Amino acid sequence: MTVLKSIALFLLAAVSEIGGAWLIWQGWREHRGLWWIAGGVLALGAYGFVATFQPDPNFGRILAAYGGIFVAGSLAWGILVDRFKPDRYDLLGAAICLLGVIVIMYAPRNT
């Protein structure tokens, strides 16, 4: 159950951070306005809190592992929202990053 909670929190963090950055991008670069930017700022602020709910107490470990989620999540966002077409190296890189997440967060440790 702890691993499932951790994965759900990582996914929520990714949607908050990537979605927030995308909203700011849309507001500024695509000239959609300040409301889009404000929504992005709120989403990025929410992202800042999500990591505090991770079961592991080590900030550095959580943030390092989240980096892999961010990489894969950014590609997924691009595919789903912006119709980005990743090549095999994008996909390989994302898979390597996700493997890193598994090793960092879920490897058995002596406690």
PDB file of N, CA and C in Angstrom:
ATOM      1  N   MET A   1       0.811  -1.194   0.000  1.00  0.00           N
ATOM      2  CA  MET A   1       0.000   0.000   0.000  1.00  0.00           C
ATOM      3  C   MET A   1       0.860   1.266   0.000  1.00  0.00           C
ATOM      4  N   THR A   2       1.979   1.234   0.682  1.00  0.00           N
ATOM      5  CA  THR A   2       2.856   2.392   0.748  1.00  0.00           C
ATOM      6  C   THR A   2       3.423   2.723  -0.631  1.00  0.00           C
ATOM      7  N   VAL A   3       3.791   1.705  -1.398  1.00  0.00           N
ATOM      8  CA  VAL A   3       4.325   1.936  -2.742  1.00  0.00           C
ATOM      9  C   VAL A   3       3.243   2.547  -3.634  1.00  0.00           C
ATOM     10  N   LEU A   4       2.025   2.055  -3.543  1.00  0.00           N
ATOM     11  CA  LEU A   4       0.933   2.612  -4.346  1.00  0.00           C
ATOM     12  C   LEU A   4       0.669   4.071  -3.988  1.00  0.00           C
ATOM     13  N   LYS A   5       0.709   4.385  -2.688  1.00  0.00           N
ATOM     14  CA  LYS A   5       0.530   5.775  -2.258  1.00  0.00           C
ATOM     15  C   LYS A   5       1.649   6.642  -2.821  1.00  0.00           C
ATOM     16  N   SER A   6       2.865   6.158  -2.762  1.00  0.00           N
ATOM     17  CA  SER A   6       4.011   6.897  -3.262  1.00  0.00           C
ATOM     18  C   SER A   6       3.887   7.153  -4.759  1.00  0.00           C
ATOM     19  N   ILE A   7       3.502   6.148  -5.516  1.00  0.00           N
ATOM     20  CA  ILE A   7       3.341   6.293  -6.961  1.00  0.00           C
ATOM     21  C   ILE A   7       2.233   7.300  -7.273  1.00  0.00           C
ATOM     22  N   ALA A   8       1.117   7.204  -6.556  1.00  0.00           N
ATOM     23  CA  ALA A   8       0.016   8.155  -6.765  1.00  0.00           C
ATOM     24  C   ALA A   8       0.470   9.582  -6.478  1.00  0.00           C
ATOM     25  N   LEU A   9       1.256   9.769  -5.427  1.00  0.00           N
ATOM     26  CA  LEU A   9       1.763  11.106  -5.109  1.00  0.00           C
ATOM     27  C   LEU A   9       2.726  11.605  -6.176  1.00  0.00           C
ATOM     28  N   PHE A  10       3.567  10.716  -6.695  1.00  0.00           N
ATOM     29  CA  PHE A  10       4.463  11.118  -7.784  1.00  0.00           C
ATOM     30  C   PHE A  10       3.653  11.552  -9.010  1.00  0.00           C
ATOM     31  N   LEU A  11       2.600  10.827  -9.330  1.00  0.00           N
ATOM     32  CA  LEU A  11       1.771  11.185 -10.484  1.00  0.00           C
ATOM     33  C   LEU A  11       1.059  12.519 -10.261  1.00  0.00           C
ATOM     34  N   LEU A  12       0.565  12.731  -9.046  1.00  0.00           N
ATOM     35  CA  LEU A  12      -0.070  14.001  -8.721  1.00  0.00           C
ATOM     36  C   LEU A  12       0.936  15.152  -8.813  1.00  0.00           C
ATOM     37  N   ALA A  13       2.144  14.920  -8.332  1.00  0.00           N
ATOM     38  CA  ALA A  13       3.193  15.933  -8.418  1.00  0.00           C
ATOM     39  C   ALA A  13       3.491  16.264  -9.878  1.00  0.00           C
ATOM     40  N   ALA A  14       3.569  15.242 -10.707  1.00  0.00           N
ATOM     41  CA  ALA A  14       3.879  15.460 -12.124  1.00  0.00           C
ATOM     42  C   ALA A  14       2.782  16.269 -12.812  1.00  0.00           C
ATOM     43  N   VAL A  15       1.530  15.928 -12.560  1.00  0.00           N
ATOM     44  CA  VAL A  15       0.432  16.676 -13.175  1.00  0.00           C
ATOM     45  C   VAL A  15       0.456  18.125 -12.697  1.00  0.00           C
ATOM     46  N   SER A  16       0.718  18.332 -11.409  1.00  0.00           N
ATOM     47  CA  SER A  16       0.763  19.692 -10.865  1.00  0.00           C
ATOM     48  C   SER A  16       1.916  20.496 -11.455  1.00  0.00           C
ATOM     49  N   GLU A  17       3.104  19.909 -11.474  1.00  0.00           N
ATOM     50  CA  GLU A  17       4.264  20.661 -11.952  1.00  0.00           C
ATOM     51  C   GLU A  17       4.238  20.859 -13.466  1.00  0.00           C
ATOM     52  N   ILE A  18       4.042  19.783 -14.186  1.00  0.00           N
ATOM     53  CA  ILE A  18       4.060  19.881 -15.649  1.00  0.00           C
ATOM     54  C   ILE A  18       2.860  20.689 -16.131  1.00  0.00           C
ATOM     55  N   GLY A  19       1.701  20.422 -15.546  1.00  0.00           N
ATOM     56  CA  GLY A  19       0.516  21.184 -15.909  1.00  0.00           C
ATOM     57  C   GLY A  19       0.663  22.667 -15.589  1.00  0.00           C
ATOM     58  N   GLY A  20       1.242  22.969 -14.435  1.00  0.00           N
ATOM     59  CA  GLY A  20       1.459  24.365 -14.070  1.00  0.00           C
ATOM     60  C   GLY A  20       2.415  25.064 -15.016  1.00  0.00           C
ATOM     61  N   ALA A  21       3.499  24.397 -15.342  1.00  0.00           N
ATOM     62  CA  ALA A  21       4.455  24.985 -16.285  1.00  0.00           C
ATOM     63  C   ALA A  21       3.816  25.163 -17.658  1.00  0.00           C
ATOM     64  N   TRP A  22       2.997  24.194 -18.067  1.00  0.00           N
ATOM     65  CA  TRP A  22       2.317  24.283 -19.364  1.00  0.00           C
ATOM     66  C   TRP A  22       1.343  25.461 -19.385  1.00  0.00           C
ATOM     67  N   LEU A  23       0.609  25.655 -18.275  1.00  0.00           N
ATOM     68  CA  LEU A  23      -0.322  26.786 -18.213  1.00  0.00           C
ATOM     69  C   LEU A  23       0.412  28.119 -18.327  1.00  0.00           C
ATOM     70  N   ILE A  24       1.548  28.240 -17.651  1.00  0.00           N
ATOM     71  CA  ILE A  24       2.343  29.464 -17.762  1.00  0.00           C
ATOM     72  C   ILE A  24       2.841  29.636 -19.193  1.00  0.00           C
ATOM     73  N   TRP A  25       3.315  28.565 -19.788  1.00  0.00           N
ATOM     74  CA  TRP A  25       3.767  28.604 -21.190  1.00  0.00           C
ATOM     75  C   TRP A  25       2.634  29.104 -22.091  1.00  0.00           C
ATOM     76  N   GLN A  26       1.456  28.522 -21.897  1.00  0.00           N
ATOM     77  CA  GLN A  26       0.312  28.920 -22.720  1.00  0.00           C
ATOM     78  C   GLN A  26      -0.053  30.389 -22.491  1.00  0.00           C
ATOM     79  N   GLY A  27      -0.040  30.808 -21.247  1.00  0.00           N
ATOM     80  CA  GLY A  27      -0.393  32.182 -20.927  1.00  0.00           C
ATOM     81  C   GLY A  27       0.581  33.188 -21.508  1.00  0.00           C
ATOM     82  N   TRP A  28       1.869  32.872 -21.432  1.00  0.00           N
ATOM     83  CA  TRP A  28       2.895  33.812 -21.872  1.00  0.00           C
ATOM     84  C   TRP A  28       3.256  33.642 -23.349  1.00  0.00           C
ATOM     85  N   ARG A  29       3.689  32.434 -23.704  1.00  0.00           N
ATOM     86  CA  ARG A  29       4.182  32.212 -25.072  1.00  0.00           C
ATOM     87  C   ARG A  29       3.064  32.175 -26.112  1.00  0.00           C
ATOM     88  N   GLU A  30       1.911  31.672 -25.711  1.00  0.00           N
ATOM     89  CA  GLU A  30       0.789  31.566 -26.649  1.00  0.00           C
ATOM     90  C   GLU A  30      -0.221  32.696 -26.459  1.00  0.00           C
ATOM     91  N   HIS A  31       0.121  33.659 -25.597  1.00  0.00           N
ATOM     92  CA  HIS A  31      -0.673  34.876 -25.399  1.00  0.00           C
ATOM     93  C   HIS A  31      -2.114  34.590 -24.976  1.00  0.00           C
ATOM     94  N   ARG A  32      -2.279  33.632 -24.074  1.00  0.00           N
ATOM     95  CA  ARG A  32      -3.631  33.314 -23.607  1.00  0.00           C
ATOM     96  C   ARG A  32      -4.038  34.145 -22.390  1.00  0.00           C
ATOM     97  N   GLY A  33      -3.082  34.837 -21.794  1.00  0.00           N
ATOM     98  CA  GLY A  33      -3.454  35.790 -20.758  1.00  0.00           C
ATOM     99  C   GLY A  33      -3.036  35.419 -19.341  1.00  0.00           C
ATOM    100  N   LEU A  34      -3.292  36.391 -18.475  1.00  0.00           N
ATOM    101  CA  LEU A  34      -2.858  36.279 -17.082  1.00  0.00           C
ATOM    102  C   LEU A  34      -3.599  35.203 -16.290  1.00  0.00           C
ATOM    103  N   TRP A  35      -4.839  34.885 -16.665  1.00  0.00           N
ATOM    104  CA  TRP A  35      -5.568  33.839 -15.940  1.00  0.00           C
ATOM    105  C   TRP A  35      -4.892  32.481 -16.112  1.00  0.00           C
ATOM    106  N   TRP A  36      -4.381  32.220 -17.286  1.00  0.00           N
ATOM    107  CA  TRP A  36      -3.651  30.974 -17.527  1.00  0.00           C
ATOM    108  C   TRP A  36      -2.381  30.952 -16.674  1.00  0.00           C
ATOM    109  N   ILE A  37      -1.687  32.078 -16.649  1.00  0.00           N
ATOM    110  CA  ILE A  37      -0.463  32.175 -15.855  1.00  0.00           C
ATOM    111  C   ILE A  37      -0.790  31.998 -14.376  1.00  0.00           C
ATOM    112  N   ALA A  38      -1.840  32.641 -13.903  1.00  0.00           N
ATOM    113  CA  ALA A  38      -2.237  32.509 -12.495  1.00  0.00           C
ATOM    114  C   ALA A  38      -2.569  31.051 -12.152  1.00  0.00           C
ATOM    115  N   GLY A  39      -3.264  30.376 -13.047  1.00  0.00           N
ATOM    116  CA  GLY A  39      -3.555  28.953 -12.831  1.00  0.00           C
ATOM    117  C   GLY A  39      -2.282  28.132 -12.751  1.00  0.00           C
ATOM    118  N   GLY A  40      -1.317  28.472 -13.596  1.00  0.00           N
ATOM    119  CA  GLY A  40      -0.038  27.779 -13.568  1.00  0.00           C
ATOM    120  C   GLY A  40       0.708  28.003 -12.267  1.00  0.00           C
ATOM    121  N   VAL A  41       0.689  29.226 -11.782  1.00  0.00           N
ATOM    122  CA  VAL A  41       1.355  29.532 -10.506  1.00  0.00           C
ATOM    123  C   VAL A  41       0.705  28.751  -9.368  1.00  0.00           C
ATOM    124  N   LEU A  42      -0.616  28.678  -9.358  1.00  0.00           N
ATOM    125  CA  LEU A  42      -1.309  27.903  -8.318  1.00  0.00           C
ATOM    126  C   LEU A  42      -0.966  26.420  -8.410  1.00  0.00           C
ATOM    127  N   ALA A  43      -0.935  25.889  -9.621  1.00  0.00           N
ATOM    128  CA  ALA A  43      -0.597  24.469  -9.791  1.00  0.00           C
ATOM    129  C   ALA A  43       0.830  24.195  -9.343  1.00  0.00           C
ATOM    130  N   LEU A  44       1.757  25.090  -9.668  1.00  0.00           N
ATOM    131  CA  LEU A  44       3.139  24.903  -9.240  1.00  0.00           C
ATOM    132  C   LEU A  44       3.257  25.003  -7.724  1.00  0.00           C
ATOM    133  N   GLY A  45       2.469  25.874  -7.116  1.00  0.00           N
ATOM    134  CA  GLY A  45       2.446  25.954  -5.659  1.00  0.00           C
ATOM    135  C   GLY A  45       1.932  24.665  -5.042  1.00  0.00           C
ATOM    136  N   ALA A  46       0.893  24.084  -5.637  1.00  0.00           N
ATOM    137  CA  ALA A  46       0.365  22.802  -5.147  1.00  0.00           C
ATOM    138  C   ALA A  46       1.421  21.707  -5.256  1.00  0.00           C
ATOM    139  N   TYR A  47       2.160  21.727  -6.365  1.00  0.00           N
ATOM    140  CA  TYR A  47       3.240  20.751  -6.543  1.00  0.00           C
ATOM    141  C   TYR A  47       4.218  20.800  -5.367  1.00  0.00           C
ATOM    142  N   GLY A  48       4.504  21.997  -4.907  1.00  0.00           N
ATOM    143  CA  GLY A  48       5.457  22.147  -3.810  1.00  0.00           C
ATOM    144  C   GLY A  48       5.030  21.434  -2.542  1.00  0.00           C
ATOM    145  N   PHE A  49       3.737  21.250  -2.356  1.00  0.00           N
ATOM    146  CA  PHE A  49       3.243  20.576  -1.159  1.00  0.00           C
ATOM    147  C   PHE A  49       3.133  19.058  -1.314  1.00  0.00           C
ATOM    148  N   VAL A  50       2.951  18.598  -2.524  1.00  0.00           N
ATOM    149  CA  VAL A  50       2.673  17.171  -2.752  1.00  0.00           C
ATOM    150  C   VAL A  50       3.791  16.281  -2.210  1.00  0.00           C
ATOM    151  N   ALA A  51       5.035  16.675  -2.414  1.00  0.00           N
ATOM    152  CA  ALA A  51       6.157  15.840  -1.962  1.00  0.00           C
ATOM    153  C   ALA A  51       6.159  15.648  -0.453  1.00  0.00           C
ATOM    154  N   THR A  52       5.585  16.583   0.277  1.00  0.00           N
ATOM    155  CA  THR A  52       5.583  16.460   1.741  1.00  0.00           C
ATOM    156  C   THR A  52       4.738  15.293   2.225  1.00  0.00           C
ATOM    157  N   PHE A  53       3.889  14.759   1.367  1.00  0.00           N
ATOM    158  CA  PHE A  53       3.046  13.627   1.745  1.00  0.00           C
ATOM    159  C   PHE A  53       3.671  12.272   1.410  1.00  0.00           C
ATOM    160  N   GLN A  54       4.829  12.272   0.782  1.00  0.00           N
ATOM    161  CA  GLN A  54       5.504  11.002   0.468  1.00  0.00           C
ATOM    162  C   GLN A  54       5.829  10.269   1.772  1.00  0.00           C
ATOM    163  N   PRO A  55       5.675   8.944   1.778  1.00  0.00           N
ATOM    164  CA  PRO A  55       5.954   8.170   2.989  1.00  0.00           C
ATOM    165  C   PRO A  55       7.426   8.208   3.417  1.00  0.00           C
ATOM    166  N   ASP A  56       8.347   8.299   2.469  1.00  0.00           N
ATOM    167  CA  ASP A  56       9.774   8.341   2.798  1.00  0.00           C
ATOM    168  C   ASP A  56      10.107   9.722   3.371  1.00  0.00           C
ATOM    169  N   PRO A  57      10.865   9.782   4.471  1.00  0.00           N
ATOM    170  CA  PRO A  57      11.146  11.074   5.110  1.00  0.00           C
ATOM    171  C   PRO A  57      12.317  11.849   4.508  1.00  0.00           C
ATOM    172  N   ASN A  58      12.977  11.308   3.491  1.00  0.00           N
ATOM    173  CA  ASN A  58      14.200  11.915   2.964  1.00  0.00           C
ATOM    174  C   ASN A  58      13.908  12.780   1.747  1.00  0.00           C
ATOM    175  N   PHE A  59      13.983  14.100   1.944  1.00  0.00           N
ATOM    176  CA  PHE A  59      13.675  15.056   0.884  1.00  0.00           C
ATOM    177  C   PHE A  59      14.541  14.822  -0.355  1.00  0.00           C
ATOM    178  N   GLY A  60      15.833  14.649  -0.158  1.00  0.00           N
ATOM    179  CA  GLY A  60      16.737  14.471  -1.292  1.00  0.00           C
ATOM    180  C   GLY A  60      16.399  13.239  -2.114  1.00  0.00           C
ATOM    181  N   ARG A  61      16.074  12.148  -1.454  1.00  0.00           N
ATOM    182  CA  ARG A  61      15.707  10.920  -2.161  1.00  0.00           C
ATOM    183  C   ARG A  61      14.428  11.127  -2.962  1.00  0.00           C
ATOM    184  N   ILE A  62      13.445  11.736  -2.342  1.00  0.00           N
ATOM    185  CA  ILE A  62      12.169  11.942  -3.021  1.00  0.00           C
ATOM    186  C   ILE A  62      12.338  12.848  -4.233  1.00  0.00           C
ATOM    187  N   LEU A  63      13.058  13.938  -4.060  1.00  0.00           N
ATOM    188  CA  LEU A  63      13.231  14.862  -5.179  1.00  0.00           C
ATOM    189  C   LEU A  63      14.068  14.242  -6.290  1.00  0.00           C
ATOM    190  N   ALA A  64      15.080  13.477  -5.933  1.00  0.00           N
ATOM    191  CA  ALA A  64      15.899  12.805  -6.946  1.00  0.00           C
ATOM    192  C   ALA A  64      15.059  11.805  -7.734  1.00  0.00           C
ATOM    193  N   ALA A  65      14.278  11.008  -7.027  1.00  0.00           N
ATOM    194  CA  ALA A  65      13.426  10.036  -7.705  1.00  0.00           C
ATOM    195  C   ALA A  65      12.365  10.735  -8.546  1.00  0.00           C
ATOM    196  N   TYR A  66      11.810  11.813  -8.037  1.00  0.00           N
ATOM    197  CA  TYR A  66      10.796  12.544  -8.784  1.00  0.00           C
ATOM    198  C   TYR A  66      11.345  13.059 -10.121  1.00  0.00           C
ATOM    199  N   GLY A  67      12.635  13.332 -10.164  1.00  0.00           N
ATOM    200  CA  GLY A  67      13.238  13.777 -11.418  1.00  0.00           C
ATOM    201  C   GLY A  67      12.958  12.805 -12.557  1.00  0.00           C
ATOM    202  N   GLY A  68      13.015  11.515 -12.269  1.00  0.00           N
ATOM    203  CA  GLY A  68      12.711  10.510 -13.289  1.00  0.00           C
ATOM    204  C   GLY A  68      11.250  10.531 -13.700  1.00  0.00           C
ATOM    205  N   ILE A  69      10.377  10.740 -12.724  1.00  0.00           N
ATOM    206  CA  ILE A  69       8.947  10.852 -13.016  1.00  0.00           C
ATOM    207  C   ILE A  69       8.692  12.083 -13.883  1.00  0.00           C
ATOM    208  N   PHE A  70       9.390  13.177 -13.553  1.00  0.00           N
ATOM    209  CA  PHE A  70       9.232  14.411 -14.317  1.00  0.00           C
ATOM    210  C   PHE A  70       9.627  14.221 -15.781  1.00  0.00           C
ATOM    211  N   VAL A  71      10.744  13.547 -16.016  1.00  0.00           N
ATOM    212  CA  VAL A  71      11.202  13.323 -17.389  1.00  0.00           C
ATOM    213  C   VAL A  71      10.168  12.517 -18.169  1.00  0.00           C
ATOM    214  N   ALA A  72       9.763  11.377 -17.632  1.00  0.00           N
ATOM    215  CA  ALA A  72       8.788  10.525 -18.323  1.00  0.00           C
ATOM    216  C   ALA A  72       7.434  11.223 -18.433  1.00  0.00           C
ATOM    217  N   GLY A  73       7.034  11.922 -17.371  1.00  0.00           N
ATOM    218  CA  GLY A  73       5.756  12.628 -17.380  1.00  0.00           C
ATOM    219  C   GLY A  73       5.724  13.756 -18.394  1.00  0.00           C
ATOM    220  N   SER A  74       6.849  14.438 -18.552  1.00  0.00           N
ATOM    221  CA  SER A  74       6.910  15.521 -19.539  1.00  0.00           C
ATOM    222  C   SER A  74       6.734  14.987 -20.952  1.00  0.00           C
ATOM    223  N   LEU A  75       7.355  13.857 -21.235  1.00  0.00           N
ATOM    224  CA  LEU A  75       7.160  13.239 -22.551  1.00  0.00           C
ATOM    225  C   LEU A  75       5.709  12.795 -22.732  1.00  0.00           C
ATOM    226  N   ALA A  76       5.136  12.197 -21.693  1.00  0.00           N
ATOM    227  CA  ALA A  76       3.740  11.759 -21.779  1.00  0.00           C
ATOM    228  C   ALA A  76       2.813  12.959 -21.997  1.00  0.00           C
ATOM    229  N   TRP A  77       3.067  14.044 -21.264  1.00  0.00           N
ATOM    230  CA  TRP A  77       2.254  15.260 -21.443  1.00  0.00           C
ATOM    231  C   TRP A  77       2.368  15.747 -22.889  1.00  0.00           C
ATOM    232  N   GLY A  78       3.579  15.777 -23.394  1.00  0.00           N
ATOM    233  CA  GLY A  78       3.784  16.211 -24.773  1.00  0.00           C
ATOM    234  C   GLY A  78       3.020  15.356 -25.763  1.00  0.00           C
ATOM    235  N   ILE A  79       3.022  14.062 -25.534  1.00  0.00           N
ATOM    236  CA  ILE A  79       2.305  13.141 -26.423  1.00  0.00           C
ATOM    237  C   ILE A  79       0.798  13.388 -26.351  1.00  0.00           C
ATOM    238  N   LEU A  80       0.270  13.465 -25.132  1.00  0.00           N
ATOM    239  CA  LEU A  80      -1.180  13.560 -24.940  1.00  0.00           C
ATOM    240  C   LEU A  80      -1.742  14.956 -25.228  1.00  0.00           C
ATOM    241  N   VAL A  81      -1.013  15.985 -24.855  1.00  0.00           N
ATOM    242  CA  VAL A  81      -1.556  17.338 -24.944  1.00  0.00           C
ATOM    243  C   VAL A  81      -1.074  18.077 -26.191  1.00  0.00           C
ATOM    244  N   ASP A  82       0.205  17.945 -26.501  1.00  0.00           N
ATOM    245  CA  ASP A  82       0.779  18.712 -27.611  1.00  0.00           C
ATOM    246  C   ASP A  82       1.006  17.886 -28.872  1.00  0.00           C
ATOM    247  N   ARG A  83       0.588  16.622 -28.853  1.00  0.00           N
ATOM    248  CA  ARG A  83       0.750  15.730 -30.011  1.00  0.00           C
ATOM    249  C   ARG A  83       2.205  15.563 -30.426  1.00  0.00           C
ATOM    250  N   PHE A  84       3.097  15.609 -29.435  1.00  0.00           N
ATOM    251  CA  PHE A  84       4.522  15.375 -29.649  1.00  0.00           C
ATOM    252  C   PHE A  84       4.740  13.917 -30.022  1.00  0.00           C
ATOM    253  N   LYS A  85       5.633  13.667 -30.951  1.00  0.00           N
ATOM    254  CA  LYS A  85       5.940  12.292 -31.364  1.00  0.00           C
ATOM    255  C   LYS A  85       7.366  11.973 -30.934  1.00  0.00           C
ATOM    256  N   PRO A  86       7.513  11.256 -29.827  1.00  0.00           N
ATOM    257  CA  PRO A  86       8.864  10.934 -29.357  1.00  0.00           C
ATOM    258  C   PRO A  86       9.529   9.907 -30.256  1.00  0.00           C
ATOM    259  N   ASP A  87      10.845   9.982 -30.332  1.00  0.00           N
ATOM    260  CA  ASP A  87      11.560   8.940 -31.062  1.00  0.00           C
ATOM    261  C   ASP A  87      12.020   7.875 -30.069  1.00  0.00           C
ATOM    262  N   ARG A  88      12.683   6.876 -30.562  1.00  0.00           N
ATOM    263  CA  ARG A  88      13.077   5.754 -29.704  1.00  0.00           C
ATOM    264  C   ARG A  88      14.045   6.185 -28.613  1.00  0.00           C
ATOM    265  N   TYR A  89      14.824   7.216 -28.861  1.00  0.00           N
ATOM    266  CA  TYR A  89      15.766   7.682 -27.845  1.00  0.00           C
ATOM    267  C   TYR A  89      15.053   8.439 -26.730  1.00  0.00           C
ATOM    268  N   ASP A  90      14.000   9.161 -27.074  1.00  0.00           N
ATOM    269  CA  ASP A  90      13.168   9.779 -26.041  1.00  0.00           C
ATOM    270  C   ASP A  90      12.586   8.699 -25.131  1.00  0.00           C
ATOM    271  N   LEU A  91      12.040   7.657 -25.752  1.00  0.00           N
ATOM    272  CA  LEU A  91      11.414   6.577 -24.986  1.00  0.00           C
ATOM    273  C   LEU A  91      12.437   5.792 -24.167  1.00  0.00           C
ATOM    274  N   LEU A  92      13.601   5.537 -24.746  1.00  0.00           N
ATOM    275  CA  LEU A  92      14.655   4.843 -24.018  1.00  0.00           C
ATOM    276  C   LEU A  92      15.112   5.681 -22.823  1.00  0.00           C
ATOM    277  N   GLY A  93      15.304   6.961 -23.036  1.00  0.00           N
ATOM    278  CA  GLY A  93      15.709   7.839 -21.939  1.00  0.00           C
ATOM    279  C   GLY A  93      14.684   7.867 -20.823  1.00  0.00           C
ATOM    280  N   ALA A  94      13.403   7.936 -21.186  1.00  0.00           N
ATOM    281  CA  ALA A  94      12.345   7.924 -20.175  1.00  0.00           C
ATOM    282  C   ALA A  94      12.340   6.603 -19.410  1.00  0.00           C
ATOM    283  N   ALA A  95      12.539   5.494 -20.112  1.00  0.00           N
ATOM    284  CA  ALA A  95      12.576   4.187 -19.444  1.00  0.00           C
ATOM    285  C   ALA A  95      13.747   4.103 -18.468  1.00  0.00           C
ATOM    286  N   ILE A  96      14.897   4.631 -18.859  1.00  0.00           N
ATOM    287  CA  ILE A  96      16.058   4.644 -17.965  1.00  0.00           C
ATOM    288  C   ILE A  96      15.745   5.479 -16.726  1.00  0.00           C
ATOM    289  N   CYS A  97      15.104   6.621 -16.927  1.00  0.00           N
ATOM    290  CA  CYS A  97      14.744   7.467 -15.792  1.00  0.00           C
ATOM    291  C   CYS A  97      13.787   6.755 -14.842  1.00  0.00           C
ATOM    292  N   LEU A  98      12.796   6.056 -15.400  1.00  0.00           N
ATOM    293  CA  LEU A  98      11.847   5.327 -14.548  1.00  0.00           C
ATOM    294  C   LEU A  98      12.522   4.177 -13.814  1.00  0.00           C
ATOM    295  N   LEU A  99      13.489   3.541 -14.446  1.00  0.00           N
ATOM    296  CA  LEU A  99      14.268   2.520 -13.750  1.00  0.00           C
ATOM    297  C   LEU A  99      15.003   3.146 -12.566  1.00  0.00           C
ATOM    298  N   GLY A 100      15.527   4.345 -12.762  1.00  0.00           N
ATOM    299  CA  GLY A 100      16.184   5.060 -11.672  1.00  0.00           C
ATOM    300  C   GLY A 100      15.232   5.334 -10.521  1.00  0.00           C
ATOM    301  N   VAL A 101      13.997   5.687 -10.830  1.00  0.00           N
ATOM    302  CA  VAL A 101      12.987   5.914  -9.789  1.00  0.00           C
ATOM    303  C   VAL A 101      12.799   4.649  -8.964  1.00  0.00           C
ATOM    304  N   ILE A 102      12.667   3.529  -9.638  1.00  0.00           N
ATOM    305  CA  ILE A 102      12.452   2.257  -8.941  1.00  0.00           C
ATOM    306  C   ILE A 102      13.625   1.938  -8.033  1.00  0.00           C
ATOM    307  N   VAL A 103      14.831   2.121  -8.534  1.00  0.00           N
ATOM    308  CA  VAL A 103      16.021   1.816  -7.728  1.00  0.00           C
ATOM    309  C   VAL A 103      16.111   2.759  -6.530  1.00  0.00           C
ATOM    310  N   ILE A 104      15.928   4.053  -6.772  1.00  0.00           N
ATOM    311  CA  ILE A 104      16.076   5.030  -5.690  1.00  0.00           C
ATOM    312  C   ILE A 104      14.996   4.865  -4.630  1.00  0.00           C
ATOM    313  N   MET A 105      13.751   4.724  -5.043  1.00  0.00           N
ATOM    314  CA  MET A 105      12.648   4.747  -4.082  1.00  0.00           C
ATOM    315  C   MET A 105      12.262   3.386  -3.503  1.00  0.00           C
ATOM    316  N   TYR A 106      12.363   2.347  -4.309  1.00  0.00           N
ATOM    317  CA  TYR A 106      11.725   1.111  -3.895  1.00  0.00           C
ATOM    318  C   TYR A 106      12.676  -0.071  -3.714  1.00  0.00           C
ATOM    319  N   ALA A 107      13.970   0.175  -3.795  1.00  0.00           N
ATOM    320  CA  ALA A 107      14.933  -0.901  -3.516  1.00  0.00           C
ATOM    321  C   ALA A 107      14.867  -1.250  -2.023  1.00  0.00           C
ATOM    322  N   PRO A 108      15.028  -2.523  -1.693  1.00  0.00           N
ATOM    323  CA  PRO A 108      15.001  -2.883  -0.264  1.00  0.00           C
ATOM    324  C   PRO A 108      16.200  -2.271   0.456  1.00  0.00           C
ATOM    325  N   ARG A 109      15.945  -1.723   1.612  1.00  0.00           N
ATOM    326  CA  ARG A 109      16.988  -1.094   2.423  1.00  0.00           C
ATOM    327  C   ARG A 109      16.938  -1.639   3.827  1.00  0.00           C
ATOM    328  N   ASN A 110      18.091  -1.626   4.456  1.00  0.00           N
ATOM    329  CA  ASN A 110      18.139  -1.939   5.894  1.00  0.00           C
ATOM    330  C   ASN A 110      17.678  -0.706   6.653  1.00  0.00           C
ATOM    331  N   THR A 111      16.714  -0.882   7.515  1.00  0.00           N
ATOM    332  CA  THR A 111      16.214   0.283   8.266  1.00  0.00           C
ATOM    333  C   THR A 111      16.581   0.223   9.721  1.00  0.00           C
TER     334      THR A 111
END
